[in-house]
C-alpha atoms as a PDB file:
ATOM      1  CA  UNK A   1       7.103 -14.315 -15.907  1.00  0.00           C
ATOM      2  CA  UNK A   2       3.433 -13.418 -15.612  1.00  0.00           C
ATOM      3  CA  UNK A   3       1.544 -13.164 -12.320  1.00  0.00           C
ATOM      4  CA  UNK A   4      -2.071 -12.387 -11.452  1.00  0.00           C
ATOM      5  CA  UNK A   5      -2.554  -9.542  -8.973  1.00  0.00           C
ATOM      6  CA  UNK A   6      -5.745  -9.189  -6.935  1.00  0.00           C
ATOM      7  CA  UNK A   7      -6.995  -5.931  -5.406  1.00  0.00           C
ATOM      8  CA  UNK A   8      -9.423  -6.610  -2.523  1.00  0.00           C
ATOM      9  CA  UNK A   9     -11.282  -3.311  -2.548  1.00  0.00           C
ATOM     10  CA  UNK A  10     -13.209  -3.902   0.674  1.00  0.00           C
ATOM     11  CA  UNK A  11     -15.416  -2.018   3.128  1.00  0.00           C
ATOM     12  CA  UNK A  12     -13.952  -2.759   6.586  1.00  0.00           C
ATOM     13  CA  UNK A  13     -16.134  -2.516   9.699  1.00  0.00           C
ATOM     14  CA  UNK A  14     -14.691   0.058  12.072  1.00  0.00           C
ATOM     15  CA  UNK A  15     -13.180  -1.515  15.166  1.00  0.00           C
ATOM     16  CA  UNK A  16     -14.401  -5.057  14.444  1.00  0.00           C
ATOM     17  CA  UNK A  17     -11.250  -7.114  13.808  1.00  0.00           C
ATOM     18  CA  UNK A  18     -13.124 -10.423  13.963  1.00  0.00           C
ATOM     19  CA  UNK A  19     -15.608  -9.408  11.238  1.00  0.00           C
ATOM     20  CA  UNK A  20     -12.855  -7.888   9.129  1.00  0.00           C
ATOM     21  CA  UNK A  21     -10.728 -11.027   9.409  1.00  0.00           C
ATOM     22  CA  UNK A  22     -13.670 -13.074   8.191  1.00  0.00           C
ATOM     23  CA  UNK A  23     -14.019 -10.733   5.201  1.00  0.00           C
ATOM     24  CA  UNK A  24     -10.279 -11.104   4.496  1.00  0.00           C
ATOM     25  CA  UNK A  25     -10.527 -14.879   4.545  1.00  0.00           C
ATOM     26  CA  UNK A  26     -13.570 -14.761   2.238  1.00  0.00           C
ATOM     27  CA  UNK A  27     -11.765 -12.546  -0.287  1.00  0.00           C
ATOM     28  CA  UNK A  28      -8.683 -14.773  -0.071  1.00  0.00           C
ATOM     29  CA  UNK A  29     -10.849 -17.786  -0.877  1.00  0.00           C
ATOM     30  CA  UNK A  30     -12.427 -15.940  -3.829  1.00  0.00           C
ATOM     31  CA  UNK A  31      -8.968 -14.882  -5.063  1.00  0.00           C
ATOM     32  CA  UNK A  32      -7.641 -18.417  -4.745  1.00  0.00           C
ATOM     33  CA  UNK A  33     -10.516 -19.764  -6.831  1.00  0.00           C
ATOM     34  CA  UNK A  34      -9.597 -17.482  -9.768  1.00  0.00           C
ATOM     35  CA  UNK A  35      -5.843 -17.989  -9.652  1.00  0.00           C
ATOM     36  CA  UNK A  36      -4.589 -14.835  -7.901  1.00  0.00           C
ATOM     37  CA  UNK A  37      -0.871 -14.983  -7.009  1.00  0.00           C
ATOM     38  CA  UNK A  38      -0.622 -11.729  -5.019  1.00  0.00           C
ATOM     39  CA  UNK A  39      -3.576 -10.208  -3.135  1.00  0.00           C
ATOM     40  CA  UNK A  40      -3.565  -6.662  -1.755  1.00  0.00           C
ATOM     41  CA  UNK A  41      -5.958  -5.219   0.823  1.00  0.00           C
ATOM     42  CA  UNK A  42      -6.393  -1.511   1.674  1.00  0.00           C
ATOM     43  CA  UNK A  43      -4.830   0.552   4.481  1.00  0.00           C
ATOM     44  CA  UNK A  44      -5.944  -0.549   7.988  1.00  0.00           C
ATOM     45  CA  UNK A  45      -8.038  -3.271   6.342  1.00  0.00           C
ATOM     46  CA  UNK A  46      -8.300  -5.278   9.558  1.00  0.00           C
ATOM     47  CA  UNK A  47      -9.539  -2.381  11.682  1.00  0.00           C
ATOM     48  CA  UNK A  48     -11.133   0.350   9.630  1.00  0.00           C
ATOM     49  CA  UNK A  49      -9.589   3.786   9.438  1.00  0.00           C
ATOM     50  CA  UNK A  50     -11.053   5.955  12.234  1.00  0.00           C
ATOM     51  CA  UNK A  51      -9.927   3.708  15.113  1.00  0.00           C
ATOM     52  CA  UNK A  52      -8.630   6.546  17.308  1.00  0.00           C
ATOM     53  CA  UNK A  53      -9.345   5.645  20.986  1.00  0.00           C
ATOM     54  CA  UNK A  54      -9.945   2.016  20.007  1.00  0.00           C
ATOM     55  CA  UNK A  55      -6.246   1.478  19.358  1.00  0.00           C
ATOM     56  CA  UNK A  56      -5.507  -0.776  22.305  1.00  0.00           C
ATOM     57  CA  UNK A  57      -8.545  -2.931  21.485  1.00  0.00           C
ATOM     58  CA  UNK A  58      -7.789  -3.488  17.769  1.00  0.00           C
ATOM     59  CA  UNK A  59      -3.975  -3.557  17.746  1.00  0.00           C
ATOM     60  CA  UNK A  60      -2.193  -6.833  16.999  1.00  0.00           C
ATOM     61  CA  UNK A  61       1.386  -8.042  16.857  1.00  0.00           C
ATOM     62  CA  UNK A  62       2.688  -9.720  13.717  1.00  0.00           C
ATOM     63  CA  UNK A  63       3.531 -13.124  15.131  1.00  0.00           C
ATOM     64  CA  UNK A  64       1.956 -16.577  15.212  1.00  0.00           C
ATOM     65  CA  UNK A  65       1.089 -15.983  18.847  1.00  0.00           C
ATOM     66  CA  UNK A  66      -1.620 -13.583  17.718  1.00  0.00           C
ATOM     67  CA  UNK A  67      -4.764 -15.449  16.571  1.00  0.00           C
ATOM     68  CA  UNK A  68      -5.654 -12.923  13.874  1.00  0.00           C
ATOM     69  CA  UNK A  69      -2.172 -12.725  12.396  1.00  0.00           C
ATOM     70  CA  UNK A  70      -1.783 -16.493  12.491  1.00  0.00           C
ATOM     71  CA  UNK A  71      -4.996 -16.920  10.469  1.00  0.00           C
ATOM     72  CA  UNK A  72      -3.582 -14.723   7.726  1.00  0.00           C
ATOM     73  CA  UNK A  73      -0.235 -16.450   7.789  1.00  0.00           C
ATOM     74  CA  UNK A  74      -1.977 -19.777   7.340  1.00  0.00           C
ATOM     75  CA  UNK A  75      -4.067 -18.306   4.516  1.00  0.00           C
ATOM     76  CA  UNK A  76      -0.902 -17.302   2.594  1.00  0.00           C
ATOM     77  CA  UNK A  77       0.075 -20.809   1.537  1.00  0.00           C
ATOM     78  CA  UNK A  78      -1.249 -20.439  -2.023  1.00  0.00           C
ATOM     79  CA  UNK A  79      -0.780 -16.702  -2.582  1.00  0.00           C
ATOM     80  CA  UNK A  80       1.179 -13.799  -1.190  1.00  0.00           C
ATOM     81  CA  UNK A  81      -0.928 -11.287   0.757  1.00  0.00           C
ATOM     82  CA  UNK A  82      -0.492  -7.623   1.773  1.00  0.00           C
ATOM     83  CA  UNK A  83      -2.905  -6.311   4.391  1.00  0.00           C
ATOM     84  CA  UNK A  84      -3.192  -3.371   6.780  1.00  0.00           C
ATOM     85  CA  UNK A  85      -3.379  -3.393  10.567  1.00  0.00           C
ATOM     86  CA  UNK A  86      -2.630  -1.439  13.757  1.00  0.00           C
ATOM     87  CA  UNK A  87       0.762  -2.645  14.966  1.00  0.00           C
ATOM     88  CA  UNK A  88       1.478  -2.437  18.698  1.00  0.00           C
ATOM     89  CA  UNK A  89       5.145  -2.838  19.501  1.00  0.00           C
ATOM     90  CA  UNK A  90       6.612  -4.196  22.736  1.00  0.00           C
ATOM     91  CA  UNK A  91       6.637  -0.716  24.331  1.00  0.00           C
ATOM     92  CA  UNK A  92       2.969  -0.002  23.565  1.00  0.00           C
ATOM     93  CA  UNK A  93       3.596   2.317  20.622  1.00  0.00           C
ATOM     94  CA  UNK A  94       1.104   2.112  17.792  1.00  0.00           C
ATOM     95  CA  UNK A  95       1.845   2.233  14.054  1.00  0.00           C
ATOM     96  CA  UNK A  96      -0.225   2.128  10.883  1.00  0.00           C
ATOM     97  CA  UNK A  97       1.226  -1.093   9.543  1.00  0.00           C
ATOM     98  CA  UNK A  98       1.262  -3.078   6.324  1.00  0.00           C
ATOM     99  CA  UNK A  99       2.264  -6.753   6.371  1.00  0.00           C
ATOM    100  CA  UNK A 100       3.456  -8.872   3.463  1.00  0.00           C
ATOM    101  CA  UNK A 101       3.057 -12.593   4.143  1.00  0.00           C
ATOM    102  CA  UNK A 102       3.950 -15.534   1.927  1.00  0.00           C
ATOM    103  CA  UNK A 103       3.698 -19.324   2.463  1.00  0.00           C
ATOM    104  CA  UNK A 104       3.138 -18.918   6.180  1.00  0.00           C
ATOM    105  CA  UNK A 105       5.983 -16.445   6.751  1.00  0.00           C
ATOM    106  CA  UNK A 106       6.236 -12.711   7.337  1.00  0.00           C
ATOM    107  CA  UNK A 107       8.490 -11.238   4.646  1.00  0.00           C
ATOM    108  CA  UNK A 108       8.163  -7.599   5.616  1.00  0.00           C
ATOM    109  CA  UNK A 109       6.358  -5.082   7.876  1.00  0.00           C
ATOM    110  CA  UNK A 110       6.158  -1.460   6.813  1.00  0.00           C
ATOM    111  CA  UNK A 111       5.114   1.357   9.173  1.00  0.00           C
ATOM    112  CA  UNK A 112       3.530   4.449   7.649  1.00  0.00           C
ATOM    113  CA  UNK A 113       6.275   7.074   7.556  1.00  0.00           C
ATOM    114  CA  UNK A 114       4.296  10.187   6.679  1.00  0.00           C
ATOM    115  CA  UNK A 115       1.305  10.577   8.959  1.00  0.00           C
ATOM    116  CA  UNK A 116      -1.609  12.578   7.599  1.00  0.00           C
ATOM    117  CA  UNK A 117      -2.282  15.555   9.885  1.00  0.00           C
ATOM    118  CA  UNK A 118      -4.216  18.135   7.788  1.00  0.00           C
ATOM    119  CA  UNK A 119      -7.820  18.907   6.860  1.00  0.00           C
ATOM    120  CA  UNK A 120      -9.937  15.970   8.139  1.00  0.00           C
ATOM    121  CA  UNK A 121      -6.927  13.851   9.241  1.00  0.00           C
ATOM    122  CA  UNK A 122      -5.335  13.589  12.713  1.00  0.00           C
ATOM    123  CA  UNK A 123      -3.149  10.496  12.557  1.00  0.00           C
ATOM    124  CA  UNK A 124      -0.173  11.911  14.489  1.00  0.00           C
ATOM    125  CA  UNK A 125      -2.373  12.255  17.564  1.00  0.00           C
ATOM    126  CA  UNK A 126      -2.707   8.471  17.790  1.00  0.00           C
ATOM    127  CA  UNK A 127       0.168   6.848  15.863  1.00  0.00           C
ATOM    128  CA  UNK A 128       3.949   6.921  15.849  1.00  0.00           C
ATOM    129  CA  UNK A 129       5.580   7.471  12.431  1.00  0.00           C
ATOM    130  CA  UNK A 130       7.658   4.770  10.811  1.00  0.00           C
ATOM    131  CA  UNK A 131      11.392   5.236  10.564  1.00  0.00           C
ATOM    132  CA  UNK A 132      12.451   3.159   7.518  1.00  0.00           C
ATOM    133  CA  UNK A 133      11.641   2.529   3.875  1.00  0.00           C
ATOM    134  CA  UNK A 134      12.977  -0.806   2.599  1.00  0.00           C
ATOM    135  CA  UNK A 135      12.479  -3.079  -0.375  1.00  0.00           C
ATOM    136  CA  UNK A 136      12.450  -6.835   0.209  1.00  0.00           C
ATOM    137  CA  UNK A 137      12.714 -10.080  -1.771  1.00  0.00           C
ATOM    138  CA  UNK A 138       9.710 -12.230  -2.718  1.00  0.00           C
ATOM    139  CA  UNK A 139       9.105 -15.140  -5.095  1.00  0.00           C
ATOM    140  CA  UNK A 140       8.009 -12.556  -7.642  1.00  0.00           C
ATOM    141  CA  UNK A 141      11.082 -10.419  -7.340  1.00  0.00           C
ATOM    142  CA  UNK A 142      11.955  -7.403  -5.218  1.00  0.00           C
ATOM    143  CA  UNK A 143       8.950  -5.514  -3.772  1.00  0.00           C
ATOM    144  CA  UNK A 144       8.341  -2.343  -1.810  1.00  0.00           C
ATOM    145  CA  UNK A 145       5.257  -1.264   0.212  1.00  0.00           C
ATOM    146  CA  UNK A 146       3.940   2.212   0.955  1.00  0.00           C
ATOM    147  CA  UNK A 147       0.862   3.446   2.821  1.00  0.00           C
ATOM    148  CA  UNK A 148      -1.317   6.324   1.581  1.00  0.00           C
ATOM    149  CA  UNK A 149       0.462   9.598   2.537  1.00  0.00           C
ATOM    150  CA  UNK A 150       3.817   7.894   1.976  1.00  0.00           C
ATOM    151  CA  UNK A 151       3.256   8.053  -1.753  1.00  0.00           C
ATOM    152  CA  UNK A 152       2.182  11.691  -1.856  1.00  0.00           C
ATOM    153  CA  UNK A 153       5.894  12.372  -1.158  1.00  0.00           C
ATOM    154  CA  UNK A 154       8.357  11.519  -3.905  1.00  0.00           C
ATOM    155  CA  UNK A 155      11.154  10.289  -1.621  1.00  0.00           C
ATOM    156  CA  UNK A 156       9.585   6.937  -0.491  1.00  0.00           C
ATOM    157  CA  UNK A 157       8.989   5.509  -3.998  1.00  0.00           C
ATOM    158  CA  UNK A 158      12.398   6.879  -5.072  1.00  0.00           C
ATOM    159  CA  UNK A 159      14.090   5.097  -2.159  1.00  0.00           C
ATOM    160  CA  UNK A 160      12.302   1.851  -3.006  1.00  0.00           C
ATOM    161  CA  UNK A 161      13.366   2.195  -6.648  1.00  0.00           C
ATOM    162  CA  UNK A 162      16.975   2.691  -5.557  1.00  0.00           C
ATOM    163  CA  UNK A 163      16.646  -0.295  -3.207  1.00  0.00           C
ATOM    164  CA  UNK A 164      15.743  -2.582  -6.084  1.00  0.00           C
ATOM    165  CA  UNK A 165      11.927  -2.675  -5.988  1.00  0.00           C
ATOM    166  CA  UNK A 166      10.299  -3.542  -9.317  1.00  0.00           C
ATOM    167  CA  UNK A 167       6.801  -3.841  -7.815  1.00  0.00           C
ATOM    168  CA  UNK A 168       5.680  -0.928  -5.644  1.00  0.00           C
ATOM    169  CA  UNK A 169       2.569  -1.870  -3.677  1.00  0.00           C
ATOM    170  CA  UNK A 170       0.596   1.038  -2.292  1.00  0.00           C
ATOM    171  CA  UNK A 171      -2.575   0.861  -0.239  1.00  0.00           C
ATOM    172  CA  UNK A 172      -4.759   3.608   1.152  1.00  0.00           C
ATOM    173  CA  UNK A 173      -7.867   4.778   2.915  1.00  0.00           C
ATOM    174  CA  UNK A 174      -8.383   7.790   0.671  1.00  0.00           C
ATOM    175  CA  UNK A 175     -11.706   9.613   1.080  1.00  0.00           C
ATOM    176  CA  UNK A 176     -13.644  11.643  -1.451  1.00  0.00           C
ATOM    177  CA  UNK A 177     -13.717  15.420  -1.126  1.00  0.00           C
ATOM    178  CA  UNK A 178     -16.971  17.361  -1.107  1.00  0.00           C
ATOM    179  CA  UNK A 179     -20.458  16.388  -2.250  1.00  0.00           C
ATOM    180  CA  UNK A 180     -20.615  17.403  -5.903  1.00  0.00           C
ATOM    181  CA  UNK A 181     -19.554  14.992  -8.650  1.00  0.00           C
ATOM    182  CA  UNK A 182     -16.639  17.309  -9.564  1.00  0.00           C
ATOM    183  CA  UNK A 183     -15.243  17.709  -6.023  1.00  0.00           C
ATOM    184  CA  UNK A 184     -15.975  14.215  -4.759  1.00  0.00           C
ATOM    185  CA  UNK A 185     -13.576  12.588  -7.205  1.00  0.00           C
ATOM    186  CA  UNK A 186     -10.921  15.297  -7.323  1.00  0.00           C
ATOM    187  CA  UNK A 187      -8.850  13.093  -5.001  1.00  0.00           C
ATOM    188  CA  UNK A 188      -9.159  10.104  -7.334  1.00  0.00           C
ATOM    189  CA  UNK A 189      -8.050  12.146 -10.344  1.00  0.00           C
ATOM    190  CA  UNK A 190      -4.991  13.416  -8.529  1.00  0.00           C
ATOM    191  CA  UNK A 191      -4.068   9.961  -7.192  1.00  0.00           C
ATOM    192  CA  UNK A 192      -4.375   8.445 -10.682  1.00  0.00           C
ATOM    193  CA  UNK A 193      -2.061  11.107 -12.132  1.00  0.00           C
ATOM    194  CA  UNK A 194       0.505  10.439  -9.389  1.00  0.00           C
ATOM    195  CA  UNK A 195       0.362   6.693  -9.914  1.00  0.00           C
ATOM    196  CA  UNK A 196       0.921   7.077 -13.670  1.00  0.00           C
ATOM    197  CA  UNK A 197       3.770   9.479 -13.043  1.00  0.00           C
ATOM    198  CA  UNK A 198       5.487   7.040 -10.677  1.00  0.00           C
ATOM    199  CA  UNK A 199       5.070   4.165 -13.129  1.00  0.00           C
ATOM    200  CA  UNK A 200       6.726   6.269 -15.851  1.00  0.00           C
ATOM    201  CA  UNK A 201       9.483   7.864 -13.747  1.00  0.00           C
ATOM    202  CA  UNK A 202      10.475   4.708 -11.894  1.00  0.00           C
ATOM    203  CA  UNK A 203       9.789   2.321 -14.811  1.00  0.00           C
ATOM    204  CA  UNK A 204       8.167  -0.040 -12.296  1.00  0.00           C
ATOM    205  CA  UNK A 205       4.744  -1.573 -11.652  1.00  0.00           C
ATOM    206  CA  UNK A 206       2.595   0.613  -9.363  1.00  0.00           C
ATOM    207  CA  UNK A 207      -0.154  -1.427  -7.719  1.00  0.00           C
ATOM    208  CA  UNK A 208      -2.639   0.502  -5.620  1.00  0.00           C
ATOM    209  CA  UNK A 209      -5.534  -0.694  -3.519  1.00  0.00           C
ATOM    210  CA  UNK A 210      -7.915   1.857  -1.945  1.00  0.00           C
ATOM    211  CA  UNK A 211     -10.889   1.030   0.266  1.00  0.00           C
ATOM    212  CA  UNK A 212     -14.573   1.833  -0.123  1.00  0.00           C
ATOM    213  CA  UNK A 213     -17.449   2.557   2.279  1.00  0.00           C
ATOM    214  CA  UNK A 214     -18.277   5.161   4.928  1.00  0.00           C
ATOM    215  CA  UNK A 215     -16.874   6.169   8.328  1.00  0.00           C
ATOM    216  CA  UNK A 216     -17.808   9.211  10.432  1.00  0.00           C
ATOM    217  CA  UNK A 217     -19.184  11.059   7.398  1.00  0.00           C
ATOM    218  CA  UNK A 218     -16.267  10.159   5.176  1.00  0.00           C
ATOM    219  CA  UNK A 219     -16.826   8.328   1.885  1.00  0.00           C
ATOM    220  CA  UNK A 220     -13.935   6.263   0.481  1.00  0.00           C
ATOM    221  CA  UNK A 221     -13.834   6.160  -3.288  1.00  0.00           C
ATOM    222  CA  UNK A 222     -12.046   2.906  -4.170  1.00  0.00           C
ATOM    223  CA  UNK A 223     -10.664   3.239  -7.708  1.00  0.00           C
ATOM    224  CA  UNK A 224      -7.934   0.651  -7.163  1.00  0.00           C
ATOM    225  CA  UNK A 225      -5.502   0.429 -10.072  1.00  0.00           C
ATOM    226  CA  UNK A 226      -2.459  -1.157 -11.697  1.00  0.00           C
ATOM    227  CA  UNK A 227       0.003   0.936 -13.708  1.00  0.00           C
ATOM    228  CA  UNK A 228       2.706  -0.682 -15.836  1.00  0.00           C
ATOM    229  CA  UNK A 229       6.347   0.508 -16.238  1.00  0.00           C
ATOM    230  CA  UNK A 230       5.310   2.606 -19.252  1.00  0.00           C
ATOM    231  CA  UNK A 231       2.902   4.587 -17.048  1.00  0.00           C
ATOM    232  CA  UNK A 232      -0.195   3.057 -18.635  1.00  0.00           C
ATOM    233  CA  UNK A 233      -3.183   1.867 -16.652  1.00  0.00           C
ATOM    234  CA  UNK A 234      -3.803  -1.849 -16.959  1.00  0.00           C
ATOM    235  CA  UNK A 235      -6.849  -1.463 -14.781  1.00  0.00           C
ATOM    236  CA  UNK A 236      -8.413   1.434 -12.878  1.00  0.00           C
ATOM    237  CA  UNK A 237     -11.787   2.668 -11.799  1.00  0.00           C
ATOM    238  CA  UNK A 238     -14.295   0.403  -9.985  1.00  0.00           C
ATOM    239  CA  UNK A 239     -15.340   3.366  -7.866  1.00  0.00           C
ATOM    240  CA  UNK A 240     -17.325   3.052  -4.612  1.00  0.00           C
ATOM    241  CA  UNK A 241     -18.195  -0.657  -4.839  1.00  0.00           C
ATOM    242  CA  UNK A 242     -16.684  -3.482  -2.784  1.00  0.00           C
ATOM    243  CA  UNK A 243     -15.134  -5.861  -5.271  1.00  0.00           C
ATOM    244  CA  UNK A 244     -12.229  -8.126  -6.117  1.00  0.00           C
ATOM    245  CA  UNK A 245     -10.240  -6.861  -9.075  1.00  0.00           C
ATOM    246  CA  UNK A 246      -7.888  -9.140 -11.028  1.00  0.00           C
ATOM    247  CA  UNK A 247      -5.086  -8.079 -13.332  1.00  0.00           C
ATOM    248  CA  UNK A 248      -2.315 -10.131 -14.947  1.00  0.00           C
ATOM    249  CA  UNK A 249       1.054  -8.410 -15.165  1.00  0.00           C
ATOM    250  CA  UNK A 250       4.076  -9.396 -17.226  1.00  0.00           C
ATOM    251  CA  UNK A 251       7.358  -8.943 -15.335  1.00  0.00           C
ATOM    252  CA  UNK A 252       9.214  -9.115 -18.645  1.00  0.00           C
ATOM    253  CA  UNK A 253       7.770  -5.671 -19.344  1.00  0.00           C
ATOM    254  CA  UNK A 254      10.308  -4.256 -16.861  1.00  0.00           C
ATOM    255  CA  UNK A 255      13.132  -5.338 -19.193  1.00  0.00           C
ATOM    256  CA  UNK A 256      11.440  -4.046 -22.307  1.00  0.00           C
ATOM    257  CA  UNK A 257      10.684  -0.611 -20.803  1.00  0.00           C
ATOM    258  CA  UNK A 258      14.095  -0.141 -19.202  1.00  0.00           C
ATOM    259  CA  UNK A 259      15.893  -1.114 -22.389  1.00  0.00           C
ATOM    260  CA  UNK A 260      14.010   1.558 -24.249  1.00  0.00           C
ATOM    261  CA  UNK A 261      14.045   4.142 -21.425  1.00  0.00           C
ATOM    262  CA  UNK A 262      17.165   3.607 -19.229  1.00  0.00           C
ATOM    263  CA  UNK A 263      16.204   6.029 -16.462  1.00  0.00           C
ATOM    264  CA  UNK A 264      17.330   3.569 -13.776  1.00  0.00           C
ATOM    265  CA  UNK A 265      20.689   3.028 -15.479  1.00  0.00           C
ATOM    266  CA  UNK A 266      21.327   6.780 -15.675  1.00  0.00           C
ATOM    267  CA  UNK A 267      20.121   7.722 -12.183  1.00  0.00           C
ATOM    268  CA  UNK A 268      22.800   9.343  -9.969  1.00  0.00           C
ATOM    269  CA  UNK A 269      22.001   8.663  -6.283  1.00  0.00           C
ATOM    270  CA  UNK A 270      25.511   9.805  -5.286  1.00  0.00           C
ATOM    271  CA  UNK A 271      24.690  13.266  -6.670  1.00  0.00           C
ATOM    272  CA  UNK A 272      21.388  13.241  -4.777  1.00  0.00           C
ATOM    273  CA  UNK A 273      23.142  12.288  -1.578  1.00  0.00           C
ATOM    274  CA  UNK A 274      25.763  15.016  -1.997  1.00  0.00           C
ATOM    275  CA  UNK A 275      23.250  17.727  -2.787  1.00  0.00           C
ATOM    276  CA  UNK A 276      20.918  16.754   0.054  1.00  0.00           C
ATOM    277  CA  UNK A 277      23.810  16.913   2.465  1.00  0.00           C
ATOM    278  CA  UNK A 278      24.639  20.381   1.163  1.00  0.00           C
ATOM    279  CA  UNK A 279      21.021  21.520   1.555  1.00  0.00           C
ATOM    280  CA  UNK A 280      20.690  20.047   5.046  1.00  0.00           C
ATOM    281  CA  UNK A 281      23.928  21.614   6.308  1.00  0.00           C
ATOM    282  CA  UNK A 282      23.966  24.958   4.474  1.00  0.00           C
ATOM    283  CA  UNK A 283      22.723  26.865   7.521  1.00  0.00           C
ATOM    284  CA  UNK A 284      25.101  25.270   9.957  1.00  0.00           C
ATOM    285  CA  UNK A 285      27.867  27.505  11.314  1.00  0.00           C
END
């Protein structure tokens, strides 16, 4: 089975959900016109990244009762869509959320588990951390979603792999570092190495969408990519520019790679569980 993945590498407008929704719908229409089956937007694509004290103004709830969410549900009739938003729960807690919608239905909501709280980042001041990492079923097979800092830790993609995910969708709002050519793209080089490593180790497709543009002195580098189960880039680059990237992937490659390299077959999660329990309890009296 072959599917066409779209990476909507956009420049969201900070705090303007209405304008960002219009941009989403425009990119969805573009993707539909060129046969995209699965379209991925960046982290917090509906709000911009530095929302901070605007949380209560930009937050939405993932139901048809919310006008913004309903518009994206309705737009998912011809393609599956992953997008980012600020999720306000029923007790007024806020999460960095990713939604996966398909044919007018919500298939999964993921809350960012690892909040970024170092150097220029202060997410824990405004957001609650997520408490679960789960794969879920789609018409393309079993899928998992992660958000930015989640995939700088090896445990989230490992858990998705163990939970049956063959497509790991990752989106981010990753900024450049520094002003020189060497330092500005040091983040992109590191991210690309991690994505290739995950593709190889987990023998899965790693599909990553990063945003572009500027906010509060931060420049976001883009560089969205698709890595196959052999750890090879099918597409990467497209730095700094807002663009729609298309890439066809062959799900039969999962079988070919895992037949040759049976890492999933030989994995021992029972051993991992046992040793983690030992580590976590070794100091208990």
